[in-house]
Protein backbone atom coordinates (compact mmCIF):
# COMPACT_ATOMS: atom_id res chain seq x y z
CA SER A 1 -10.29 -0.87 -20.43
CA SER A 2 -7.97 -3.92 -19.98
CA GLY A 3 -10.70 -5.65 -18.09
CA ALA A 4 -9.26 -5.11 -14.46
CA THR A 5 -11.51 -4.96 -11.35
CA PHE A 6 -11.07 -2.55 -8.71
CA LYS A 7 -12.58 -2.36 -5.22
CA MET A 8 -13.85 0.92 -4.09
CA LEU A 9 -15.08 2.37 -0.79
CA LEU A 10 -17.75 5.01 -1.37
CA ILE A 11 -19.01 7.08 1.43
CA PRO A 12 -21.99 9.10 1.09
CA ARG A 13 -21.42 12.82 1.55
CA ASN A 14 -22.99 16.13 0.84
CA ILE A 15 -20.11 17.28 -1.68
CA PRO A 16 -20.07 17.97 -5.42
CA ASP A 17 -19.60 15.02 -7.95
CA GLU A 18 -16.16 14.01 -8.51
CA GLN A 19 -14.38 11.97 -11.30
CA ILE A 20 -12.04 9.17 -10.63
CA PHE A 21 -9.29 8.46 -13.21
CA LEU A 22 -7.34 5.18 -12.95
CA VAL A 23 -3.80 5.83 -14.44
CA GLU A 24 -1.75 2.71 -15.52
CA GLN A 25 1.66 4.36 -15.69
CA SER A 26 2.88 7.69 -14.83
CA VAL A 27 5.38 9.85 -16.90
CA LYS A 28 8.19 9.26 -14.28
CA ASP A 29 7.62 5.66 -14.80
CA SER A 30 8.18 5.73 -18.53
CA GLU A 31 12.04 4.45 -18.05
CA LEU A 32 10.85 1.78 -15.71
CA LYS A 33 10.78 -1.84 -17.27
CA VAL A 34 7.17 -3.07 -17.33
CA TYR A 35 6.96 -6.78 -17.12
CA ASP A 36 4.46 -9.05 -18.56
CA LYS A 37 1.56 -9.83 -16.44
CA TYR A 38 2.51 -6.73 -14.40
CA ARG A 39 -0.61 -6.70 -12.11
CA ASP A 40 -0.33 -10.61 -11.51
CA ARG A 41 3.39 -9.94 -10.07
CA ILE A 42 1.91 -7.11 -7.90
CA ILE A 43 -0.80 -9.41 -6.62
CA SER A 44 1.72 -12.41 -5.99
CA PHE A 45 4.20 -10.02 -4.14
CA TYR A 46 1.32 -8.85 -1.88
CA LYS A 47 0.24 -12.27 -1.21
CA THR A 48 3.87 -13.09 -0.13
CA LEU A 49 4.09 -10.00 2.20
CA TYR A 50 0.40 -11.03 3.65
CA LEU A 51 1.58 -14.45 4.43
CA GLY A 52 5.12 -13.41 5.63
CA LYS A 53 6.98 -15.59 3.31
CA ILE A 54 10.57 -15.72 2.78
CA VAL A 55 11.68 -14.68 -0.59
CA ASP A 56 14.82 -15.67 -2.46
CA ASP A 57 16.92 -12.30 -3.49
CA TYR A 58 15.00 -10.51 -0.73
CA LYS A 59 16.47 -8.95 2.51
CA ILE A 60 13.70 -9.03 5.09
CA SER A 61 14.27 -6.62 8.09
CA TYR A 62 11.86 -6.51 11.15
CA ARG A 63 13.28 -3.31 12.69
CA LYS A 64 10.26 -1.20 13.71
CA LYS A 65 9.79 2.59 12.54
CA ARG A 66 7.02 4.61 13.92
CA SER A 67 5.33 7.78 12.76
CA SER A 68 2.24 9.56 13.98
CA SER A 69 -0.53 11.74 13.08
CA LYS A 70 -3.32 13.48 14.71
CA ASN A 71 -5.56 10.43 14.55
CA PHE A 72 -3.12 7.60 13.82
CA LYS A 73 -0.08 5.72 14.92
CA VAL A 74 1.71 3.92 12.08
CA THR A 75 4.44 1.40 12.62
CA ARG A 76 6.51 -0.29 10.02
CA ILE A 77 6.90 -3.98 11.25
CA ALA A 78 8.59 -5.42 8.27
CA SER A 79 10.11 -4.49 4.98
CA TYR A 80 11.30 -6.73 2.14
CA LYS A 81 14.23 -4.99 0.15
CA PRO A 82 15.15 -6.72 -3.22
CA GLU A 83 18.74 -7.55 -4.00
CA LYS A 84 18.01 -6.48 -7.71
CA ALA A 85 17.25 -2.82 -8.73
CA ASN A 86 13.85 -2.18 -10.43
CA ASP A 87 12.17 -5.04 -8.36
CA PHE A 88 9.33 -4.67 -5.95
CA TYR A 89 9.99 -3.18 -2.34
CA GLY A 90 7.48 -4.07 0.38
CA GLU A 91 6.63 -2.90 3.63
CA ILE A 92 4.21 -4.08 6.16
CA PHE A 93 2.65 -1.49 8.63
CA GLU A 94 0.37 -1.54 11.55
CA VAL A 95 -1.96 1.22 11.87
CA LYS A 96 -3.72 2.24 15.04
CA ASN A 97 -6.61 4.54 15.51
CA LYS A 98 -5.46 6.65 18.55
CA SER A 99 -8.42 9.04 18.51
CA LYS A 100 -11.63 8.75 20.25
CA ASP A 101 -13.76 8.57 17.09
CA ILE A 102 -14.11 6.03 14.23
CA GLN A 103 -11.73 7.00 11.48
CA LEU A 104 -11.53 6.42 7.76
CA ILE A 105 -8.12 5.42 6.38
CA GLU A 106 -7.54 6.22 2.83
CA ALA A 107 -5.03 4.40 0.79
CA LYS A 108 -4.38 7.55 -1.51
CA ASP A 109 -2.89 9.46 1.87
CA PHE A 110 -0.02 6.58 1.57
CA TYR A 111 0.87 7.12 -2.23
CA GLN A 112 4.18 8.83 -2.85
CA SER A 113 6.59 8.60 -5.62
CA GLY A 114 7.35 5.06 -6.69
CA VAL A 115 4.52 3.48 -4.95
CA ARG A 116 2.53 0.81 -6.87
CA ALA A 117 0.11 -0.49 -4.43
CA VAL A 118 -1.48 0.11 -1.07
CA LYS A 119 -3.73 -2.56 0.57
CA LEU A 120 -5.40 -1.94 3.84
CA ASN A 121 -7.24 -4.91 5.70
CA SER A 122 -9.70 -2.31 7.08
CA HIS A 123 -10.57 1.11 6.01
CA ILE A 124 -12.65 1.96 9.15
CA LEU A 125 -11.07 1.71 12.37
CA LYS A 126 -12.86 2.12 15.81
CA PRO A 127 -11.04 3.71 18.65
CA LYS A 128 -7.76 1.97 19.48
CA GLU A 129 -8.40 -0.50 16.66
CA THR A 130 -5.41 -1.40 14.64
CA THR A 131 -5.15 -2.95 10.91
CA LYS A 132 -2.51 -4.07 8.83
CA MET A 133 -1.31 -1.95 5.62
CA TYR A 134 0.89 -3.28 2.94
CA ILE A 135 2.76 -0.98 0.59
CA ILE A 136 4.51 -2.20 -2.60
CA SER A 137 6.80 0.19 -4.49
CA ILE A 138 9.71 0.47 -6.85
CA LYS A 139 12.91 1.94 -5.49
CA ASN A 140 15.91 2.35 -7.70
């Protein structure tokens, strides 16, 4: 009820209704310092990652790290590591559909402890198509 706007991808399926809950902050995060205009900081940091900008107080690494699943090849192409604890940590990935079918990528599949935002340039990939993914997290 804070007036935020969220983008959703809805895919019609023959399944029972589901409820979606948007949670502002988890119990594990209660010790975390929440800054004024928190969402604005996340959006600003995402734009930094998207544009590939150099940022003061961050170490940027371009070492590739790969992982795979049945349908996707995921390659980390850059990481932004903060010099200060409790600041945002950013990663840029390339996700490739390695199957012969159109695949749907769900951001929720990449959420884990500490993740604050996952942004995909495309949620639907044709065979052999790639997209960029940006993950912003907090690492203590």
